[in-house]
PDB file of all heavy atoms in Angstrom:
ATOM      1  N   VAL A   1       0.833  -1.205   0.000  1.00  0.00           N
ATOM      2  CA  VAL A   1       0.000   0.000   0.000  1.00  0.00           C
ATOM      3  C   VAL A   1       0.866   1.254   0.000  1.00  0.00           C
ATOM      4  O   VAL A   1       0.608   2.214  -0.748  1.00  0.00           O
ATOM      5  CB  VAL A   1      -0.946  -0.009   1.219  1.00  0.00           C
ATOM      6  CG1 VAL A   1      -1.625   1.342   1.389  1.00  0.00           C
ATOM      7  CG2 VAL A   1      -1.996  -1.093   1.067  1.00  0.00           C
ATOM      8  N   VAL A   2       1.911   1.273   0.830  1.00  0.00           N
ATOM      9  CA  VAL A   2       2.778   2.445   0.902  1.00  0.00           C
ATOM     10  C   VAL A   2       3.563   2.629  -0.400  1.00  0.00           C
ATOM     11  O   VAL A   2       3.761   3.765  -0.864  1.00  0.00           O
ATOM     12  CB  VAL A   2       3.746   2.305   2.096  1.00  0.00           C
ATOM     13  CG1 VAL A   2       4.736   3.469   2.116  1.00  0.00           C
ATOM     14  CG2 VAL A   2       2.974   2.286   3.411  1.00  0.00           C
ATOM     15  N   MET A   3       3.985   1.542  -1.018  1.00  0.00           N
ATOM     16  CA  MET A   3       4.787   1.635  -2.233  1.00  0.00           C
ATOM     17  C   MET A   3       3.958   2.061  -3.442  1.00  0.00           C
ATOM     18  O   MET A   3       4.380   2.919  -4.233  1.00  0.00           O
ATOM     19  CB  MET A   3       5.461   0.288  -2.523  1.00  0.00           C
ATOM     20  CG  MET A   3       6.558  -0.086  -1.546  1.00  0.00           C
ATOM     21  SD  MET A   3       7.314  -1.675  -1.950  1.00  0.00           S
ATOM     22  CE  MET A   3       8.011  -1.309  -3.551  1.00  0.00           C
ATOM     23  N   PHE A   4       2.757   1.482  -3.589  1.00  0.00           N
ATOM     24  CA  PHE A   4       1.966   1.724  -4.797  1.00  0.00           C
ATOM     25  C   PHE A   4       0.777   2.651  -4.564  1.00  0.00           C
ATOM     26  O   PHE A   4       0.088   3.005  -5.531  1.00  0.00           O
ATOM     27  CB  PHE A   4       1.472   0.389  -5.358  1.00  0.00           C
ATOM     28  CG  PHE A   4       2.576  -0.569  -5.680  1.00  0.00           C
ATOM     29  CD1 PHE A   4       2.800  -1.691  -4.891  1.00  0.00           C
ATOM     30  CD2 PHE A   4       3.421  -0.338  -6.757  1.00  0.00           C
ATOM     31  CE1 PHE A   4       3.824  -2.575  -5.184  1.00  0.00           C
ATOM     32  CE2 PHE A   4       4.451  -1.219  -7.050  1.00  0.00           C
ATOM     33  CZ  PHE A   4       4.654  -2.336  -6.269  1.00  0.00           C
ATOM     34  N   GLY A   5       0.541   3.053  -3.306  1.00  0.00           N
ATOM     35  CA  GLY A   5      -0.570   3.952  -3.016  1.00  0.00           C
ATOM     36  C   GLY A   5      -0.494   5.282  -3.732  1.00  0.00           C
ATOM     37  O   GLY A   5      -1.533   5.795  -4.206  1.00  0.00           O
ATOM     38  N   PRO A   6       0.687   5.913  -3.865  1.00  0.00           N
ATOM     39  CA  PRO A   6       0.749   7.193  -4.582  1.00  0.00           C
ATOM     40  C   PRO A   6       0.265   7.124  -6.027  1.00  0.00           C
ATOM     41  O   PRO A   6      -0.093   8.160  -6.601  1.00  0.00           O
ATOM     42  CB  PRO A   6       2.244   7.547  -4.522  1.00  0.00           C
ATOM     43  CG  PRO A   6       2.720   6.898  -3.279  1.00  0.00           C
ATOM     44  CD  PRO A   6       1.954   5.614  -3.190  1.00  0.00           C
ATOM     45  N   ALA A   7       0.224   5.935  -6.613  1.00  0.00           N
ATOM     46  CA  ALA A   7      -0.284   5.807  -7.989  1.00  0.00           C
ATOM     47  C   ALA A   7      -1.766   6.148  -8.069  1.00  0.00           C
ATOM     48  O   ALA A   7      -2.278   6.478  -9.152  1.00  0.00           O
ATOM     49  CB  ALA A   7      -0.039   4.394  -8.510  1.00  0.00           C
ATOM     50  N   LEU A   8      -2.475   6.096  -6.935  1.00  0.00           N
ATOM     51  CA  LEU A   8      -3.895   6.442  -6.923  1.00  0.00           C
ATOM     52  C   LEU A   8      -4.129   7.914  -7.211  1.00  0.00           C
ATOM     53  O   LEU A   8      -5.254   8.309  -7.536  1.00  0.00           O
ATOM     54  CB  LEU A   8      -4.513   6.084  -5.565  1.00  0.00           C
ATOM     55  CG  LEU A   8      -4.537   4.599  -5.189  1.00  0.00           C
ATOM     56  CD1 LEU A   8      -5.054   4.425  -3.765  1.00  0.00           C
ATOM     57  CD2 LEU A   8      -5.399   3.809  -6.159  1.00  0.00           C
ATOM     58  N   SER A   9      -3.084   8.745  -7.094  1.00  0.00           N
ATOM     59  CA  SER A   9      -3.231  10.178  -7.346  1.00  0.00           C
ATOM     60  C   SER A   9      -3.620  10.470  -8.789  1.00  0.00           C
ATOM     61  O   SER A   9      -4.126  11.554  -9.091  1.00  0.00           O
ATOM     62  CB  SER A   9      -1.923  10.905  -7.008  1.00  0.00           C
ATOM     63  OG  SER A   9      -0.850  10.417  -7.795  1.00  0.00           O
ATOM     64  N   PHE A  10      -3.402   9.505  -9.705  1.00  0.00           N
ATOM     65  CA  PHE A  10      -3.780   9.702 -11.102  1.00  0.00           C
ATOM     66  C   PHE A  10      -5.278   9.527 -11.318  1.00  0.00           C
ATOM     67  O   PHE A  10      -5.793   9.932 -12.363  1.00  0.00           O
ATOM     68  CB  PHE A  10      -3.019   8.715 -12.007  1.00  0.00           C
ATOM     69  CG  PHE A  10      -1.533   8.953 -12.036  1.00  0.00           C
ATOM     70  CD1 PHE A  10      -0.672   8.110 -11.349  1.00  0.00           C
ATOM     71  CD2 PHE A  10      -0.995  10.027 -12.731  1.00  0.00           C
ATOM     72  CE1 PHE A  10       0.697   8.312 -11.377  1.00  0.00           C
ATOM     73  CE2 PHE A  10       0.370  10.242 -12.750  1.00  0.00           C
ATOM     74  CZ  PHE A  10       1.223   9.392 -12.077  1.00  0.00           C
ATOM     75  N   TRP A  11      -5.961   8.912 -10.344  1.00  0.00           N
ATOM     76  CA  TRP A  11      -7.388   8.631 -10.525  1.00  0.00           C
ATOM     77  C   TRP A  11      -8.284   9.422  -9.569  1.00  0.00           C
ATOM     78  O   TRP A  11      -9.468   9.591  -9.853  1.00  0.00           O
ATOM     79  CB  TRP A  11      -7.649   7.137 -10.342  1.00  0.00           C
ATOM     80  CG  TRP A  11      -7.106   6.307 -11.457  1.00  0.00           C
ATOM     81  CD1 TRP A  11      -7.691   6.068 -12.678  1.00  0.00           C
ATOM     82  CD2 TRP A  11      -5.865   5.598 -11.472  1.00  0.00           C
ATOM     83  NE1 TRP A  11      -6.888   5.263 -13.436  1.00  0.00           N
ATOM     84  CE2 TRP A  11      -5.755   4.947 -12.728  1.00  0.00           C
ATOM     85  CE3 TRP A  11      -4.831   5.441 -10.556  1.00  0.00           C
ATOM     86  CZ2 TRP A  11      -4.666   4.171 -13.085  1.00  0.00           C
ATOM     87  CZ3 TRP A  11      -3.735   4.664 -10.916  1.00  0.00           C
ATOM     88  CH2 TRP A  11      -3.657   4.041 -12.159  1.00  0.00           C
ATOM     89  N   VAL A  12      -7.760   9.887  -8.448  1.00  0.00           N
ATOM     90  CA  VAL A  12      -8.604  10.610  -7.494  1.00  0.00           C
ATOM     91  C   VAL A  12      -8.776  12.055  -7.945  1.00  0.00           C
ATOM     92  O   VAL A  12      -7.947  12.592  -8.697  1.00  0.00           O
ATOM     93  CB  VAL A  12      -8.005  10.563  -6.081  1.00  0.00           C
ATOM     94  CG1 VAL A  12      -7.916   9.143  -5.586  1.00  0.00           C
ATOM     95  CG2 VAL A  12      -6.639  11.245  -6.054  1.00  0.00           C
ATOM     96  N   SER A  13      -9.836  12.671  -7.483  1.00  0.00           N
ATOM     97  CA  SER A  13     -10.114  14.070  -7.816  1.00  0.00           C
ATOM     98  C   SER A  13      -9.534  14.981  -6.736  1.00  0.00           C
ATOM     99  O   SER A  13      -9.744  14.762  -5.540  1.00  0.00           O
ATOM    100  CB  SER A  13     -11.624  14.293  -7.925  1.00  0.00           C
ATOM    101  OG  SER A  13     -11.912  15.661  -8.076  1.00  0.00           O
ATOM    102  N   GLN A  14      -8.816  16.011  -7.189  1.00  0.00           N
ATOM    103  CA  GLN A  14      -8.247  16.970  -6.251  1.00  0.00           C
ATOM    104  C   GLN A  14      -9.295  17.931  -5.694  1.00  0.00           C
ATOM    105  O   GLN A  14      -8.982  18.771  -4.860  1.00  0.00           O
ATOM    106  CB  GLN A  14      -7.131  17.762  -6.930  1.00  0.00           C
ATOM    107  CG  GLN A  14      -5.919  16.913  -7.297  1.00  0.00           C
ATOM    108  CD  GLN A  14      -5.313  16.225  -6.085  1.00  0.00           C
ATOM    109  OE1 GLN A  14      -5.211  16.808  -5.001  1.00  0.00           O
ATOM    110  NE2 GLN A  14      -4.922  14.956  -6.258  1.00  0.00           N
ATOM    111  N   HIS A  15     -10.526  17.814  -6.176  1.00  0.00           N
ATOM    112  CA  HIS A  15     -11.628  18.622  -5.653  1.00  0.00           C
ATOM    113  C   HIS A  15     -12.412  17.883  -4.575  1.00  0.00           C
ATOM    114  O   HIS A  15     -13.423  18.388  -4.084  1.00  0.00           O
ATOM    115  CB  HIS A  15     -12.573  19.024  -6.796  1.00  0.00           C
ATOM    116  CG  HIS A  15     -11.898  19.817  -7.887  1.00  0.00           C
ATOM    117  ND1 HIS A  15     -11.508  21.127  -7.708  1.00  0.00           N
ATOM    118  CD2 HIS A  15     -11.522  19.459  -9.143  1.00  0.00           C
ATOM    119  CE1 HIS A  15     -10.937  21.568  -8.822  1.00  0.00           C
ATOM    120  NE2 HIS A  15     -10.932  20.577  -9.706  1.00  0.00           N
ATOM    121  N   SER A  16     -11.963  16.686  -4.228  1.00  0.00           N
ATOM    122  CA  SER A  16     -12.626  15.906  -3.193  1.00  0.00           C
ATOM    123  C   SER A  16     -12.417  16.552  -1.821  1.00  0.00           C
ATOM    124  O   SER A  16     -11.455  17.303  -1.602  1.00  0.00           O
ATOM    125  CB  SER A  16     -12.084  14.477  -3.184  1.00  0.00           C
ATOM    126  OG  SER A  16     -12.550  13.757  -2.071  1.00  0.00           O
ATOM    127  N   VAL A  17     -13.311  16.237  -0.895  1.00  0.00           N
ATOM    128  CA  VAL A  17     -13.196  16.785   0.458  1.00  0.00           C
ATOM    129  C   VAL A  17     -11.959  16.241   1.163  1.00  0.00           C
ATOM    130  O   VAL A  17     -11.413  16.878   2.072  1.00  0.00           O
ATOM    131  CB  VAL A  17     -14.453  16.453   1.288  1.00  0.00           C
ATOM    132  CG1 VAL A  17     -15.661  17.185   0.738  1.00  0.00           C
ATOM    133  CG2 VAL A  17     -14.710  14.953   1.322  1.00  0.00           C
ATOM    134  N   PHE A  18     -11.488  15.071   0.740  1.00  0.00           N
ATOM    135  CA  PHE A  18     -10.308  14.481   1.370  1.00  0.00           C
ATOM    136  C   PHE A  18      -9.008  15.077   0.836  1.00  0.00           C
ATOM    137  O   PHE A  18      -7.935  14.724   1.312  1.00  0.00           O
ATOM    138  CB  PHE A  18     -10.302  12.965   1.166  1.00  0.00           C
ATOM    139  CG  PHE A  18     -11.470  12.261   1.785  1.00  0.00           C
ATOM    140  CD1 PHE A  18     -12.484  11.746   0.994  1.00  0.00           C
ATOM    141  CD2 PHE A  18     -11.555  12.128   3.165  1.00  0.00           C
ATOM    142  CE1 PHE A  18     -13.569  11.103   1.570  1.00  0.00           C
ATOM    143  CE2 PHE A  18     -12.640  11.490   3.746  1.00  0.00           C
ATOM    144  CZ  PHE A  18     -13.650  10.977   2.951  1.00  0.00           C
ATOM    145  N   ALA A  19      -9.102  15.953  -0.159  1.00  0.00           N
ATOM    146  CA  ALA A  19      -7.920  16.621  -0.700  1.00  0.00           C
ATOM    147  C   ALA A  19      -7.559  17.873   0.095  1.00  0.00           C
ATOM    148  O   ALA A  19      -6.605  18.558  -0.258  1.00  0.00           O
ATOM    149  CB  ALA A  19      -8.139  16.974  -2.162  1.00  0.00           C
ATOM    150  N   ARG A  20      -8.313  18.144   1.152  1.00  0.00           N
ATOM    151  CA  ARG A  20      -8.038  19.309   2.004  1.00  0.00           C
ATOM    152  C   ARG A  20      -7.489  18.835   3.348  1.00  0.00           C
ATOM    153  O   ARG A  20      -8.090  17.990   4.010  1.00  0.00           O
ATOM    154  CB  ARG A  20      -9.306  20.137   2.224  1.00  0.00           C
ATOM    155  CG  ARG A  20      -9.898  20.710   0.948  1.00  0.00           C
ATOM    156  CD  ARG A  20     -10.898  21.804   1.275  1.00  0.00           C
ATOM    157  NE  ARG A  20     -11.969  21.305   2.127  1.00  0.00           N
ATOM    158  CZ  ARG A  20     -13.133  20.843   1.680  1.00  0.00           C
ATOM    159  NH1 ARG A  20     -13.378  20.807   0.381  1.00  0.00           N
ATOM    160  NH2 ARG A  20     -14.062  20.420   2.506  1.00  0.00           N
ATOM    161  N   ARG A  21      -6.370  19.391   3.725  1.00  0.00           N
ATOM    162  CA  ARG A  21      -5.741  19.020   4.997  1.00  0.00           C
ATOM    163  C   ARG A  21      -6.583  19.431   6.195  1.00  0.00           C
ATOM    164  O   ARG A  21      -6.372  18.945   7.307  1.00  0.00           O
ATOM    165  CB  ARG A  21      -4.370  19.683   5.101  1.00  0.00           C
ATOM    166  CG  ARG A  21      -3.267  18.916   4.386  1.00  0.00           C
ATOM    167  CD  ARG A  21      -2.823  17.731   5.216  1.00  0.00           C
ATOM    168  NE  ARG A  21      -1.636  17.082   4.685  1.00  0.00           N
ATOM    169  CZ  ARG A  21      -1.001  16.096   5.292  1.00  0.00           C
ATOM    170  NH1 ARG A  21      -1.443  15.642   6.451  1.00  0.00           N
ATOM    171  NH2 ARG A  21       0.059  15.542   4.747  1.00  0.00           N
ATOM    172  N   SER A  22      -7.507  20.339   5.983  1.00  0.00           N
ATOM    173  CA  SER A  22      -8.359  20.806   7.076  1.00  0.00           C
ATOM    174  C   SER A  22      -9.585  19.925   7.290  1.00  0.00           C
ATOM    175  O   SER A  22     -10.467  20.283   8.071  1.00  0.00           O
ATOM    176  CB  SER A  22      -8.816  22.245   6.800  1.00  0.00           C
ATOM    177  OG  SER A  22      -9.535  22.312   5.562  1.00  0.00           O
ATOM    178  N   HIS A  23      -9.644  18.785   6.596  1.00  0.00           N
ATOM    179  CA  HIS A  23     -10.796  17.897   6.746  1.00  0.00           C
ATOM    180  C   HIS A  23     -10.909  17.406   8.183  1.00  0.00           C
ATOM    181  O   HIS A  23      -9.916  17.242   8.898  1.00  0.00           O
ATOM    182  CB  HIS A  23     -10.678  16.707   5.793  1.00  0.00           C
ATOM    183  CG  HIS A  23     -11.923  15.894   5.700  1.00  0.00           C
ATOM    184  ND1 HIS A  23     -12.183  14.835   6.543  1.00  0.00           N
ATOM    185  CD2 HIS A  23     -12.994  15.979   4.878  1.00  0.00           C
ATOM    186  CE1 HIS A  23     -13.346  14.296   6.235  1.00  0.00           C
ATOM    187  NE2 HIS A  23     -13.864  14.965   5.224  1.00  0.00           N
ATOM    188  N   PHE A  24     -12.155  17.130   8.597  1.00  0.00           N
ATOM    189  CA  PHE A  24     -12.436  16.724   9.971  1.00  0.00           C
ATOM    190  C   PHE A  24     -11.650  15.494  10.386  1.00  0.00           C
ATOM    191  O   PHE A  24     -11.103  15.431  11.494  1.00  0.00           O
ATOM    192  CB  PHE A  24     -13.937  16.469  10.123  1.00  0.00           C
ATOM    193  CG  PHE A  24     -14.318  15.803  11.413  1.00  0.00           C
ATOM    194  CD1 PHE A  24     -14.374  16.539  12.589  1.00  0.00           C
ATOM    195  CD2 PHE A  24     -14.605  14.448  11.462  1.00  0.00           C
ATOM    196  CE1 PHE A  24     -14.712  15.924  13.789  1.00  0.00           C
ATOM    197  CE2 PHE A  24     -14.945  13.835  12.647  1.00  0.00           C
ATOM    198  CZ  PHE A  24     -15.003  14.576  13.812  1.00  0.00           C
ATOM    199  N   LEU A  25     -11.554  14.499   9.513  1.00  0.00           N
ATOM    200  CA  LEU A  25     -10.856  13.259   9.878  1.00  0.00           C
ATOM    201  C   LEU A  25      -9.378  13.501  10.132  1.00  0.00           C
ATOM    202  O   LEU A  25      -8.797  12.915  11.049  1.00  0.00           O
ATOM    203  CB  LEU A  25     -11.028  12.224   8.767  1.00  0.00           C
ATOM    204  CG  LEU A  25     -12.417  11.597   8.624  1.00  0.00           C
ATOM    205  CD1 LEU A  25     -12.437  10.618   7.464  1.00  0.00           C
ATOM    206  CD2 LEU A  25     -12.843  10.898   9.904  1.00  0.00           C
ATOM    207  N   TYR A  26      -8.759  14.365   9.334  1.00  0.00           N
ATOM    208  CA  TYR A  26      -7.346  14.665   9.542  1.00  0.00           C
ATOM    209  C   TYR A  26      -7.131  15.400  10.860  1.00  0.00           C
ATOM    210  O   TYR A  26      -6.201  15.097  11.612  1.00  0.00           O
ATOM    211  CB  TYR A  26      -6.802  15.508   8.383  1.00  0.00           C
ATOM    212  CG  TYR A  26      -6.898  14.846   7.037  1.00  0.00           C
ATOM    213  CD1 TYR A  26      -7.299  15.551   5.912  1.00  0.00           C
ATOM    214  CD2 TYR A  26      -6.593  13.496   6.876  1.00  0.00           C
ATOM    215  CE1 TYR A  26      -7.393  14.952   4.669  1.00  0.00           C
ATOM    216  CE2 TYR A  26      -6.681  12.886   5.646  1.00  0.00           C
ATOM    217  CZ  TYR A  26      -7.085  13.615   4.536  1.00  0.00           C
ATOM    218  OH  TYR A  26      -7.172  13.012   3.314  1.00  0.00           O
ATOM    219  N   ARG A  27      -7.995  16.366  11.127  1.00  0.00           N
ATOM    220  CA  ARG A  27      -7.819  17.171  12.342  1.00  0.00           C
ATOM    221  C   ARG A  27      -8.175  16.384  13.598  1.00  0.00           C
ATOM    222  O   ARG A  27      -7.524  16.506  14.635  1.00  0.00           O
ATOM    223  CB  ARG A  27      -8.683  18.435  12.269  1.00  0.00           C
ATOM    224  CG  ARG A  27      -8.228  19.442  11.226  1.00  0.00           C
ATOM    225  CD  ARG A  27      -9.049  20.726  11.270  1.00  0.00           C
ATOM    226  NE  ARG A  27     -10.405  20.528  10.784  1.00  0.00           N
ATOM    227  CZ  ARG A  27     -11.480  20.440  11.554  1.00  0.00           C
ATOM    228  NH1 ARG A  27     -11.361  20.539  12.874  1.00  0.00           N
ATOM    229  NH2 ARG A  27     -12.682  20.266  11.031  1.00  0.00           N
ATOM    230  N   MET A  28      -9.201  15.541  13.511  1.00  0.00           N
ATOM    231  CA  MET A  28      -9.710  14.856  14.690  1.00  0.00           C
ATOM    232  C   MET A  28      -8.912  13.610  15.036  1.00  0.00           C
ATOM    233  O   MET A  28      -8.670  13.319  16.212  1.00  0.00           O
ATOM    234  CB  MET A  28     -11.183  14.477  14.469  1.00  0.00           C
ATOM    235  CG  MET A  28     -11.858  13.850  15.664  1.00  0.00           C
ATOM    236  SD  MET A  28     -12.047  15.050  17.008  1.00  0.00           S
ATOM    237  CE  MET A  28     -12.828  14.013  18.258  1.00  0.00           C
TER     238      MET A  28
END
């Protein structure tokens, strides 16, 4: 997962709520 996980950046949307460091899950 750690080695190949960054490859997911080609498919995820940068407009997703998880693309913000201020998201609740990250802060909490």
